[in-house]
Amino acid sequence: ATWCSLATEHGTLWETQWPQELHD
């Protein structure tokens, strides 16, 4: 559910779209 929330805010490609501190 956290990933879904983050994907809604930052996009669905976590390695290429999210800030580095959200990768873990």
mmCIF file of all heavy atoms, coordinates in Angstrom:
data_MODEL
# 
_entry.id   MODEL 
# 
loop_
_atom_site.group_PDB 
_atom_site.id 
_atom_site.type_symbol 
_atom_site.label_atom_id 
_atom_site.label_alt_id 
_atom_site.label_comp_id 
_atom_site.label_asym_id 
_atom_site.label_entity_id 
_atom_site.label_seq_id 
_atom_site.pdbx_PDB_ins_code 
_atom_site.Cartn_x 
_atom_site.Cartn_y 
_atom_site.Cartn_z 
_atom_site.occupancy 
_atom_site.B_iso_or_equiv 
_atom_site.pdbx_formal_charge 
_atom_site.auth_seq_id 
_atom_site.auth_comp_id 
_atom_site.auth_asym_id 
_atom_site.auth_atom_id 
_atom_site.pdbx_PDB_model_num 
ATOM 1   N N   . ALA A 1 1  ? 0.832  -1.207 0.000   1.00 0.00 ? 1  ALA A N   1 
ATOM 2   C CA  . ALA A 1 1  ? 0.000  0.000  0.000   1.00 0.00 ? 1  ALA A CA  1 
ATOM 3   C C   . ALA A 1 1  ? 0.866  1.255  0.000   1.00 0.00 ? 1  ALA A C   1 
ATOM 4   O O   . ALA A 1 1  ? 0.516  2.268  -0.620  1.00 0.00 ? 1  ALA A O   1 
ATOM 5   C CB  . ALA A 1 1  ? -0.928 -0.020 1.207   1.00 0.00 ? 1  ALA A CB  1 
ATOM 6   N N   . THR A 1 2  ? 2.000  1.203  0.689   1.00 0.00 ? 2  THR A N   1 
ATOM 7   C CA  . THR A 1 2  ? 2.930  2.344  0.692   1.00 0.00 ? 2  THR A CA  1 
ATOM 8   C C   . THR A 1 2  ? 3.473  2.580  -0.706  1.00 0.00 ? 2  THR A C   1 
ATOM 9   O O   . THR A 1 2  ? 3.568  3.730  -1.170  1.00 0.00 ? 2  THR A O   1 
ATOM 10  C CB  . THR A 1 2  ? 4.076  2.098  1.684   1.00 0.00 ? 2  THR A CB  1 
ATOM 11  O OG1 . THR A 1 2  ? 3.540  1.902  2.991   1.00 0.00 ? 2  THR A OG1 1 
ATOM 12  C CG2 . THR A 1 2  ? 5.048  3.261  1.692   1.00 0.00 ? 2  THR A CG2 1 
ATOM 13  N N   . TRP A 1 3  ? 3.857  1.490  -1.391  1.00 0.00 ? 3  TRP A N   1 
ATOM 14  C CA  . TRP A 1 3  ? 4.340  1.632  -2.764  1.00 0.00 ? 3  TRP A CA  1 
ATOM 15  C C   . TRP A 1 3  ? 3.264  2.272  -3.643  1.00 0.00 ? 3  TRP A C   1 
ATOM 16  O O   . TRP A 1 3  ? 3.567  3.153  -4.465  1.00 0.00 ? 3  TRP A O   1 
ATOM 17  C CB  . TRP A 1 3  ? 4.741  0.278  -3.344  1.00 0.00 ? 3  TRP A CB  1 
ATOM 18  C CG  . TRP A 1 3  ? 5.293  0.376  -4.740  1.00 0.00 ? 3  TRP A CG  1 
ATOM 19  C CD1 . TRP A 1 3  ? 6.600  0.579  -5.095  1.00 0.00 ? 3  TRP A CD1 1 
ATOM 20  C CD2 . TRP A 1 3  ? 4.552  0.318  -5.966  1.00 0.00 ? 3  TRP A CD2 1 
ATOM 21  N NE1 . TRP A 1 3  ? 6.716  0.650  -6.461  1.00 0.00 ? 3  TRP A NE1 1 
ATOM 22  C CE2 . TRP A 1 3  ? 5.469  0.491  -7.025  1.00 0.00 ? 3  TRP A CE2 1 
ATOM 23  C CE3 . TRP A 1 3  ? 3.210  0.140  -6.262  1.00 0.00 ? 3  TRP A CE3 1 
ATOM 24  C CZ2 . TRP A 1 3  ? 5.082  0.491  -8.359  1.00 0.00 ? 3  TRP A CZ2 1 
ATOM 25  C CZ3 . TRP A 1 3  ? 2.806  0.137  -7.599  1.00 0.00 ? 3  TRP A CZ3 1 
ATOM 26  C CH2 . TRP A 1 3  ? 3.741  0.306  -8.632  1.00 0.00 ? 3  TRP A CH2 1 
ATOM 27  N N   . CYS A 1 4  ? 2.022  1.855  -3.487  1.00 0.00 ? 4  CYS A N   1 
ATOM 28  C CA  . CYS A 1 4  ? 0.932  2.437  -4.278  1.00 0.00 ? 4  CYS A CA  1 
ATOM 29  C C   . CYS A 1 4  ? 0.816  3.936  -4.020  1.00 0.00 ? 4  CYS A C   1 
ATOM 30  O O   . CYS A 1 4  ? 0.620  4.733  -4.945  1.00 0.00 ? 4  CYS A O   1 
ATOM 31  C CB  . CYS A 1 4  ? -0.392 1.747  -3.953  1.00 0.00 ? 4  CYS A CB  1 
ATOM 32  S SG  . CYS A 1 4  ? -0.523 0.053  -4.551  1.00 0.00 ? 4  CYS A SG  1 
ATOM 33  N N   . SER A 1 5  ? 0.943  4.325  -2.754  1.00 0.00 ? 5  SER A N   1 
ATOM 34  C CA  . SER A 1 5  ? 0.870  5.743  -2.410  1.00 0.00 ? 5  SER A CA  1 
ATOM 35  C C   . SER A 1 5  ? 2.043  6.515  -3.009  1.00 0.00 ? 5  SER A C   1 
ATOM 36  O O   . SER A 1 5  ? 1.874  7.601  -3.581  1.00 0.00 ? 5  SER A O   1 
ATOM 37  C CB  . SER A 1 5  ? 0.860  5.897  -0.884  1.00 0.00 ? 5  SER A CB  1 
ATOM 38  O OG  . SER A 1 5  ? 0.945  7.258  -0.513  1.00 0.00 ? 5  SER A OG  1 
ATOM 39  N N   . LEU A 1 6  ? 3.237  5.952  -2.892  1.00 0.00 ? 6  LEU A N   1 
ATOM 40  C CA  . LEU A 1 6  ? 4.420  6.600  -3.468  1.00 0.00 ? 6  LEU A CA  1 
ATOM 41  C C   . LEU A 1 6  ? 4.314  6.678  -4.987  1.00 0.00 ? 6  LEU A C   1 
ATOM 42  O O   . LEU A 1 6  ? 4.703  7.682  -5.602  1.00 0.00 ? 6  LEU A O   1 
ATOM 43  C CB  . LEU A 1 6  ? 5.676  5.825  -3.070  1.00 0.00 ? 6  LEU A CB  1 
ATOM 44  C CG  . LEU A 1 6  ? 6.134  5.999  -1.615  1.00 0.00 ? 6  LEU A CG  1 
ATOM 45  C CD1 . LEU A 1 6  ? 7.094  4.894  -1.220  1.00 0.00 ? 6  LEU A CD1 1 
ATOM 46  C CD2 . LEU A 1 6  ? 6.786  7.371  -1.439  1.00 0.00 ? 6  LEU A CD2 1 
ATOM 47  N N   . ALA A 1 7  ? 3.798  5.615  -5.611  1.00 0.00 ? 7  ALA A N   1 
ATOM 48  C CA  . ALA A 1 7  ? 3.650  5.609  -7.069  1.00 0.00 ? 7  ALA A CA  1 
ATOM 49  C C   . ALA A 1 7  ? 2.659  6.663  -7.523  1.00 0.00 ? 7  ALA A C   1 
ATOM 50  O O   . ALA A 1 7  ? 2.818  7.277  -8.593  1.00 0.00 ? 7  ALA A O   1 
ATOM 51  C CB  . ALA A 1 7  ? 3.205  4.226  -7.538  1.00 0.00 ? 7  ALA A CB  1 
ATOM 52  N N   . THR A 1 8  ? 1.625  6.896  -6.722  1.00 0.00 ? 8  THR A N   1 
ATOM 53  C CA  . THR A 1 8  ? 0.648  7.924  -7.054  1.00 0.00 ? 8  THR A CA  1 
ATOM 54  C C   . THR A 1 8  ? 1.288  9.304  -7.019  1.00 0.00 ? 8  THR A C   1 
ATOM 55  O O   . THR A 1 8  ? 0.958  10.181 -7.828  1.00 0.00 ? 8  THR A O   1 
ATOM 56  C CB  . THR A 1 8  ? -0.531 7.863  -6.056  1.00 0.00 ? 8  THR A CB  1 
ATOM 57  O OG1 . THR A 1 8  ? -1.131 6.568  -6.127  1.00 0.00 ? 8  THR A OG1 1 
ATOM 58  C CG2 . THR A 1 8  ? -1.569 8.915  -6.369  1.00 0.00 ? 8  THR A CG2 1 
ATOM 59  N N   . GLU A 1 9  ? 2.233  9.488  -6.120  1.00 0.00 ? 9  GLU A N   1 
ATOM 60  C CA  . GLU A 1 9  ? 2.866  10.801 -5.962  1.00 0.00 ? 9  GLU A CA  1 
ATOM 61  C C   . GLU A 1 9  ? 4.068  10.996 -6.884  1.00 0.00 ? 9  GLU A C   1 
ATOM 62  O O   . GLU A 1 9  ? 4.266  12.083 -7.444  1.00 0.00 ? 9  GLU A O   1 
ATOM 63  C CB  . GLU A 1 9  ? 3.306  10.990 -4.511  1.00 0.00 ? 9  GLU A CB  1 
ATOM 64  C CG  . GLU A 1 9  ? 3.961  12.339 -4.237  1.00 0.00 ? 9  GLU A CG  1 
ATOM 65  C CD  . GLU A 1 9  ? 4.173  12.577 -2.751  1.00 0.00 ? 9  GLU A CD  1 
ATOM 66  O OE1 . GLU A 1 9  ? 3.313  12.168 -1.962  1.00 0.00 ? 9  GLU A OE1 1 
ATOM 67  O OE2 . GLU A 1 9  ? 5.203  13.189 -2.393  1.00 0.00 ? 9  GLU A OE2 1 
ATOM 68  N N   . HIS A 1 10 ? 4.875  9.926  -7.078  1.00 0.00 ? 10 HIS A N   1 
ATOM 69  C CA  . HIS A 1 10 ? 6.147  10.085 -7.785  1.00 0.00 ? 10 HIS A CA  1 
ATOM 70  C C   . HIS A 1 10 ? 6.214  9.364  -9.130  1.00 0.00 ? 10 HIS A C   1 
ATOM 71  O O   . HIS A 1 10 ? 7.209  9.497  -9.846  1.00 0.00 ? 10 HIS A O   1 
ATOM 72  C CB  . HIS A 1 10 ? 7.300  9.571  -6.905  1.00 0.00 ? 10 HIS A CB  1 
ATOM 73  C CG  . HIS A 1 10 ? 7.486  10.338 -5.637  1.00 0.00 ? 10 HIS A CG  1 
ATOM 74  N ND1 . HIS A 1 10 ? 8.032  11.603 -5.599  1.00 0.00 ? 10 HIS A ND1 1 
ATOM 75  C CD2 . HIS A 1 10 ? 7.181  10.017 -4.346  1.00 0.00 ? 10 HIS A CD2 1 
ATOM 76  C CE1 . HIS A 1 10 ? 8.075  12.037 -4.342  1.00 0.00 ? 10 HIS A CE1 1 
ATOM 77  N NE2 . HIS A 1 10 ? 7.559  11.088 -3.564  1.00 0.00 ? 10 HIS A NE2 1 
ATOM 78  N N   . GLY A 1 11 ? 5.209  8.576  -9.475  1.00 0.00 ? 11 GLY A N   1 
ATOM 79  C CA  . GLY A 1 11 ? 5.272  7.770  -10.692 1.00 0.00 ? 11 GLY A CA  1 
ATOM 80  C C   . GLY A 1 11 ? 5.523  6.312  -10.345 1.00 0.00 ? 11 GLY A C   1 
ATOM 81  O O   . GLY A 1 11 ? 5.966  5.978  -9.245  1.00 0.00 ? 11 GLY A O   1 
ATOM 82  N N   . THR A 1 12 ? 5.279  5.449  -11.302 1.00 0.00 ? 12 THR A N   1 
ATOM 83  C CA  . THR A 1 12 ? 5.308  4.010  -11.020 1.00 0.00 ? 12 THR A CA  1 
ATOM 84  C C   . THR A 1 12 ? 6.683  3.372  -11.183 1.00 0.00 ? 12 THR A C   1 
ATOM 85  O O   . THR A 1 12 ? 6.849  2.196  -10.867 1.00 0.00 ? 12 THR A O   1 
ATOM 86  C CB  . THR A 1 12 ? 4.316  3.278  -11.938 1.00 0.00 ? 12 THR A CB  1 
ATOM 87  O OG1 . THR A 1 12 ? 4.676  3.512  -13.305 1.00 0.00 ? 12 THR A OG1 1 
ATOM 88  C CG2 . THR A 1 12 ? 2.888  3.761  -11.698 1.00 0.00 ? 12 THR A CG2 1 
ATOM 89  N N   . LEU A 1 13 ? 7.661  4.107  -11.689 1.00 0.00 ? 13 LEU A N   1 
ATOM 90  C CA  . LEU A 1 13 ? 9.001  3.545  -11.908 1.00 0.00 ? 13 LEU A CA  1 
ATOM 91  C C   . LEU A 1 13 ? 9.927  4.024  -10.795 1.00 0.00 ? 13 LEU A C   1 
ATOM 92  O O   . LEU A 1 13 ? 10.577 5.062  -10.886 1.00 0.00 ? 13 LEU A O   1 
ATOM 93  C CB  . LEU A 1 13 ? 9.527  3.951  -13.285 1.00 0.00 ? 13 LEU A CB  1 
ATOM 94  C CG  . LEU A 1 13 ? 8.615  3.597  -14.467 1.00 0.00 ? 13 LEU A CG  1 
ATOM 95  C CD1 . LEU A 1 13 ? 9.224  4.084  -15.787 1.00 0.00 ? 13 LEU A CD1 1 
ATOM 96  C CD2 . LEU A 1 13 ? 8.369  2.095  -14.530 1.00 0.00 ? 13 LEU A CD2 1 
ATOM 97  N N   . TRP A 1 14 ? 9.986  3.224  -9.726  1.00 0.00 ? 14 TRP A N   1 
ATOM 98  C CA  . TRP A 1 14 ? 10.662 3.716  -8.528  1.00 0.00 ? 14 TRP A CA  1 
ATOM 99  C C   . TRP A 1 14 ? 12.159 3.895  -8.708  1.00 0.00 ? 14 TRP A C   1 
ATOM 100 O O   . TRP A 1 14 ? 12.763 4.812  -8.131  1.00 0.00 ? 14 TRP A O   1 
ATOM 101 C CB  . TRP A 1 14 ? 10.368 2.806  -7.337  1.00 0.00 ? 14 TRP A CB  1 
ATOM 102 C CG  . TRP A 1 14 ? 10.851 1.392  -7.448  1.00 0.00 ? 14 TRP A CG  1 
ATOM 103 C CD1 . TRP A 1 14 ? 10.163 0.333  -7.942  1.00 0.00 ? 14 TRP A CD1 1 
ATOM 104 C CD2 . TRP A 1 14 ? 12.126 0.886  -7.047  1.00 0.00 ? 14 TRP A CD2 1 
ATOM 105 N NE1 . TRP A 1 14 ? 10.925 -0.814 -7.878  1.00 0.00 ? 14 TRP A NE1 1 
ATOM 106 C CE2 . TRP A 1 14 ? 12.136 -0.507 -7.322  1.00 0.00 ? 14 TRP A CE2 1 
ATOM 107 C CE3 . TRP A 1 14 ? 13.254 1.458  -6.462  1.00 0.00 ? 14 TRP A CE3 1 
ATOM 108 C CZ2 . TRP A 1 14 ? 13.230 -1.315 -7.056  1.00 0.00 ? 14 TRP A CZ2 1 
ATOM 109 C CZ3 . TRP A 1 14 ? 14.353 0.656  -6.193  1.00 0.00 ? 14 TRP A CZ3 1 
ATOM 110 C CH2 . TRP A 1 14 ? 14.338 -0.713 -6.478  1.00 0.00 ? 14 TRP A CH2 1 
ATOM 111 N N   . GLU A 1 15 ? 12.797 3.064  -9.506  1.00 0.00 ? 15 GLU A N   1 
ATOM 112 C CA  . GLU A 1 15 ? 14.260 3.177  -9.666  1.00 0.00 ? 15 GLU A CA  1 
ATOM 113 C C   . GLU A 1 15 ? 14.652 4.404  -10.470 1.00 0.00 ? 15 GLU A C   1 
ATOM 114 O O   . GLU A 1 15 ? 15.708 4.989  -10.232 1.00 0.00 ? 15 GLU A O   1 
ATOM 115 C CB  . GLU A 1 15 ? 14.815 1.914  -10.331 1.00 0.00 ? 15 GLU A CB  1 
ATOM 116 C CG  . GLU A 1 15 ? 15.175 0.815  -9.359  1.00 0.00 ? 15 GLU A CG  1 
ATOM 117 C CD  . GLU A 1 15 ? 16.056 -0.248 -9.990  1.00 0.00 ? 15 GLU A CD  1 
ATOM 118 O OE1 . GLU A 1 15 ? 15.698 -0.748 -11.064 1.00 0.00 ? 15 GLU A OE1 1 
ATOM 119 O OE2 . GLU A 1 15 ? 17.092 -0.588 -9.398  1.00 0.00 ? 15 GLU A OE2 1 
ATOM 120 N N   . THR A 1 16 ? 13.822 4.789  -11.413 1.00 0.00 ? 16 THR A N   1 
ATOM 121 C CA  . THR A 1 16 ? 14.190 5.888  -12.311 1.00 0.00 ? 16 THR A CA  1 
ATOM 122 C C   . THR A 1 16 ? 13.456 7.193  -12.011 1.00 0.00 ? 16 THR A C   1 
ATOM 123 O O   . THR A 1 16 ? 13.908 8.255  -12.451 1.00 0.00 ? 16 THR A O   1 
ATOM 124 C CB  . THR A 1 16 ? 13.922 5.496  -13.778 1.00 0.00 ? 16 THR A CB  1 
ATOM 125 O OG1 . THR A 1 16 ? 12.568 5.038  -13.899 1.00 0.00 ? 16 THR A OG1 1 
ATOM 126 C CG2 . THR A 1 16 ? 14.840 4.373  -14.221 1.00 0.00 ? 16 THR A CG2 1 
ATOM 127 N N   . GLN A 1 17 ? 12.340 7.146  -11.271 1.00 0.00 ? 17 GLN A N   1 
ATOM 128 C CA  . GLN A 1 17 ? 11.550 8.356  -11.044 1.00 0.00 ? 17 GLN A CA  1 
ATOM 129 C C   . GLN A 1 17 ? 11.572 8.840  -9.598  1.00 0.00 ? 17 GLN A C   1 
ATOM 130 O O   . GLN A 1 17 ? 11.376 10.033 -9.349  1.00 0.00 ? 17 GLN A O   1 
ATOM 131 C CB  . GLN A 1 17 ? 10.086 8.110  -11.451 1.00 0.00 ? 17 GLN A CB  1 
ATOM 132 C CG  . GLN A 1 17 ? 9.890  7.863  -12.945 1.00 0.00 ? 17 GLN A CG  1 
ATOM 133 C CD  . GLN A 1 17 ? 8.436  7.560  -13.293 1.00 0.00 ? 17 GLN A CD  1 
ATOM 134 O OE1 . GLN A 1 17 ? 7.673  7.074  -12.468 1.00 0.00 ? 17 GLN A OE1 1 
ATOM 135 N NE2 . GLN A 1 17 ? 8.050  7.857  -14.527 1.00 0.00 ? 17 GLN A NE2 1 
ATOM 136 N N   . TRP A 1 18 ? 11.809 7.959  -8.632  1.00 0.00 ? 18 TRP A N   1 
ATOM 137 C CA  . TRP A 1 18 ? 11.708 8.359  -7.227  1.00 0.00 ? 18 TRP A CA  1 
ATOM 138 C C   . TRP A 1 18 ? 13.035 8.911  -6.697  1.00 0.00 ? 18 TRP A C   1 
ATOM 139 O O   . TRP A 1 18 ? 14.115 8.517  -7.163  1.00 0.00 ? 18 TRP A O   1 
ATOM 140 C CB  . TRP A 1 18 ? 11.327 7.158  -6.373  1.00 0.00 ? 18 TRP A CB  1 
ATOM 141 C CG  . TRP A 1 18 ? 9.983  6.561  -6.632  1.00 0.00 ? 18 TRP A CG  1 
ATOM 142 C CD1 . TRP A 1 18 ? 9.128  6.838  -7.666  1.00 0.00 ? 18 TRP A CD1 1 
ATOM 143 C CD2 . TRP A 1 18 ? 9.347  5.558  -5.844  1.00 0.00 ? 18 TRP A CD2 1 
ATOM 144 N NE1 . TRP A 1 18 ? 8.001  6.074  -7.568  1.00 0.00 ? 18 TRP A NE1 1 
ATOM 145 C CE2 . TRP A 1 18 ? 8.101  5.277  -6.462  1.00 0.00 ? 18 TRP A CE2 1 
ATOM 146 C CE3 . TRP A 1 18 ? 9.694  4.868  -4.684  1.00 0.00 ? 18 TRP A CE3 1 
ATOM 147 C CZ2 . TRP A 1 18 ? 7.209  4.329  -5.938  1.00 0.00 ? 18 TRP A CZ2 1 
ATOM 148 C CZ3 . TRP A 1 18 ? 8.823  3.935  -4.164  1.00 0.00 ? 18 TRP A CZ3 1 
ATOM 149 C CH2 . TRP A 1 18 ? 7.587  3.674  -4.782  1.00 0.00 ? 18 TRP A CH2 1 
ATOM 150 N N   . PRO A 1 19 ? 12.955 9.785  -5.695  1.00 0.00 ? 19 PRO A N   1 
ATOM 151 C CA  . PRO A 1 19 ? 14.190 10.208 -5.010  1.00 0.00 ? 19 PRO A CA  1 
ATOM 152 C C   . PRO A 1 19 ? 14.912 8.998  -4.416  1.00 0.00 ? 19 PRO A C   1 
ATOM 153 O O   . PRO A 1 19 ? 14.283 8.027  -3.977  1.00 0.00 ? 19 PRO A O   1 
ATOM 154 C CB  . PRO A 1 19 ? 13.671 11.141 -3.905  1.00 0.00 ? 19 PRO A CB  1 
ATOM 155 C CG  . PRO A 1 19 ? 12.332 11.609 -4.385  1.00 0.00 ? 19 PRO A CG  1 
ATOM 156 C CD  . PRO A 1 19 ? 11.764 10.475 -5.174  1.00 0.00 ? 19 PRO A CD  1 
ATOM 157 N N   . GLN A 1 20 ? 16.234 9.053  -4.396  1.00 0.00 ? 20 GLN A N   1 
ATOM 158 C CA  . GLN A 1 20 ? 17.046 7.924  -3.947  1.00 0.00 ? 20 GLN A CA  1 
ATOM 159 C C   . GLN A 1 20 ? 16.668 7.459  -2.540  1.00 0.00 ? 20 GLN A C   1 
ATOM 160 O O   . GLN A 1 20 ? 16.673 6.263  -2.235  1.00 0.00 ? 20 GLN A O   1 
ATOM 161 C CB  . GLN A 1 20 ? 18.530 8.309  -3.987  1.00 0.00 ? 20 GLN A CB  1 
ATOM 162 C CG  . GLN A 1 20 ? 19.488 7.182  -3.634  1.00 0.00 ? 20 GLN A CG  1 
ATOM 163 C CD  . GLN A 1 20 ? 19.507 6.065  -4.661  1.00 0.00 ? 20 GLN A CD  1 
ATOM 164 O OE1 . GLN A 1 20 ? 19.401 6.344  -5.851  1.00 0.00 ? 20 GLN A OE1 1 
ATOM 165 N NE2 . GLN A 1 20 ? 19.632 4.819  -4.211  1.00 0.00 ? 20 GLN A NE2 1 
ATOM 166 N N   . GLU A 1 21 ? 16.311 8.406  -1.673  1.00 0.00 ? 21 GLU A N   1 
ATOM 167 C CA  . GLU A 1 21 ? 16.031 8.024  -0.288  1.00 0.00 ? 21 GLU A CA  1 
ATOM 168 C C   . GLU A 1 21 ? 14.751 7.198  -0.134  1.00 0.00 ? 21 GLU A C   1 
ATOM 169 O O   . GLU A 1 21 ? 14.500 6.629  0.941   1.00 0.00 ? 21 GLU A O   1 
ATOM 170 C CB  . GLU A 1 21 ? 15.940 9.275  0.596   1.00 0.00 ? 21 GLU A CB  1 
ATOM 171 C CG  . GLU A 1 21 ? 14.820 10.234 0.224   1.00 0.00 ? 21 GLU A CG  1 
ATOM 172 C CD  . GLU A 1 21 ? 15.281 11.323 -0.749  1.00 0.00 ? 21 GLU A CD  1 
ATOM 173 O OE1 . GLU A 1 21 ? 16.312 11.107 -1.438  1.00 0.00 ? 21 GLU A OE1 1 
ATOM 174 O OE2 . GLU A 1 21 ? 14.617 12.378 -0.804  1.00 0.00 ? 21 GLU A OE2 1 
ATOM 175 N N   . LEU A 1 22 ? 13.956 7.099  -1.204  1.00 0.00 ? 22 LEU A N   1 
ATOM 176 C CA  . LEU A 1 22 ? 12.732 6.304  -1.161  1.00 0.00 ? 22 LEU A CA  1 
ATOM 177 C C   . LEU A 1 22 ? 12.916 4.908  -1.754  1.00 0.00 ? 22 LEU A C   1 
ATOM 178 O O   . LEU A 1 22 ? 11.956 4.140  -1.833  1.00 0.00 ? 22 LEU A O   1 
ATOM 179 C CB  . LEU A 1 22 ? 11.599 7.021  -1.899  1.00 0.00 ? 22 LEU A CB  1 
ATOM 180 C CG  . LEU A 1 22 ? 11.153 8.363  -1.332  1.00 0.00 ? 22 LEU A CG  1 
ATOM 181 C CD1 . LEU A 1 22 ? 10.101 9.001  -2.228  1.00 0.00 ? 22 LEU A CD1 1 
ATOM 182 C CD2 . LEU A 1 22 ? 10.606 8.201  0.091   1.00 0.00 ? 22 LEU A CD2 1 
ATOM 183 N N   . HIS A 1 23 ? 14.128 4.572  -2.164  1.00 0.00 ? 23 HIS A N   1 
ATOM 184 C CA  . HIS A 1 23 ? 14.369 3.273  -2.796  1.00 0.00 ? 23 HIS A CA  1 
ATOM 185 C C   . HIS A 1 23 ? 14.367 2.121  -1.800  1.00 0.00 ? 23 HIS A C   1 
ATOM 186 O O   . HIS A 1 23 ? 14.172 0.970  -2.194  1.00 0.00 ? 23 HIS A O   1 
ATOM 187 C CB  . HIS A 1 23 ? 15.703 3.295  -3.548  1.00 0.00 ? 23 HIS A CB  1 
ATOM 188 C CG  . HIS A 1 23 ? 15.646 4.101  -4.806  1.00 0.00 ? 23 HIS A CG  1 
ATOM 189 N ND1 . HIS A 1 23 ? 16.614 4.028  -5.792  1.00 0.00 ? 23 HIS A ND1 1 
ATOM 190 C CD2 . HIS A 1 23 ? 14.741 5.001  -5.258  1.00 0.00 ? 23 HIS A CD2 1 
ATOM 191 C CE1 . HIS A 1 23 ? 16.297 4.847  -6.785  1.00 0.00 ? 23 HIS A CE1 1 
ATOM 192 N NE2 . HIS A 1 23 ? 15.169 5.458  -6.472  1.00 0.00 ? 23 HIS A NE2 1 
ATOM 193 N N   . ASP A 1 24 ? 14.572 2.415  -0.527  1.00 0.00 ? 24 ASP A N   1 
ATOM 194 C CA  . ASP A 1 24 ? 14.613 1.374  0.500   1.00 0.00 ? 24 ASP A CA  1 
ATOM 195 C C   . ASP A 1 24 ? 13.334 1.440  1.328   1.00 0.00 ? 24 ASP A C   1 
ATOM 196 O O   . ASP A 1 24 ? 13.076 2.451  1.997   1.00 0.00 ? 24 ASP A O   1 
ATOM 197 C CB  . ASP A 1 24 ? 15.831 1.582  1.403   1.00 0.00 ? 24 ASP A CB  1 
ATOM 198 C CG  . ASP A 1 24 ? 15.939 0.523  2.499   1.00 0.00 ? 24 ASP A CG  1 
ATOM 199 O OD1 . ASP A 1 24 ? 15.079 -0.382 2.550   1.00 0.00 ? 24 ASP A OD1 1 
ATOM 200 O OD2 . ASP A 1 24 ? 16.887 0.618  3.299   1.00 0.00 ? 24 ASP A OD2 1 
# 
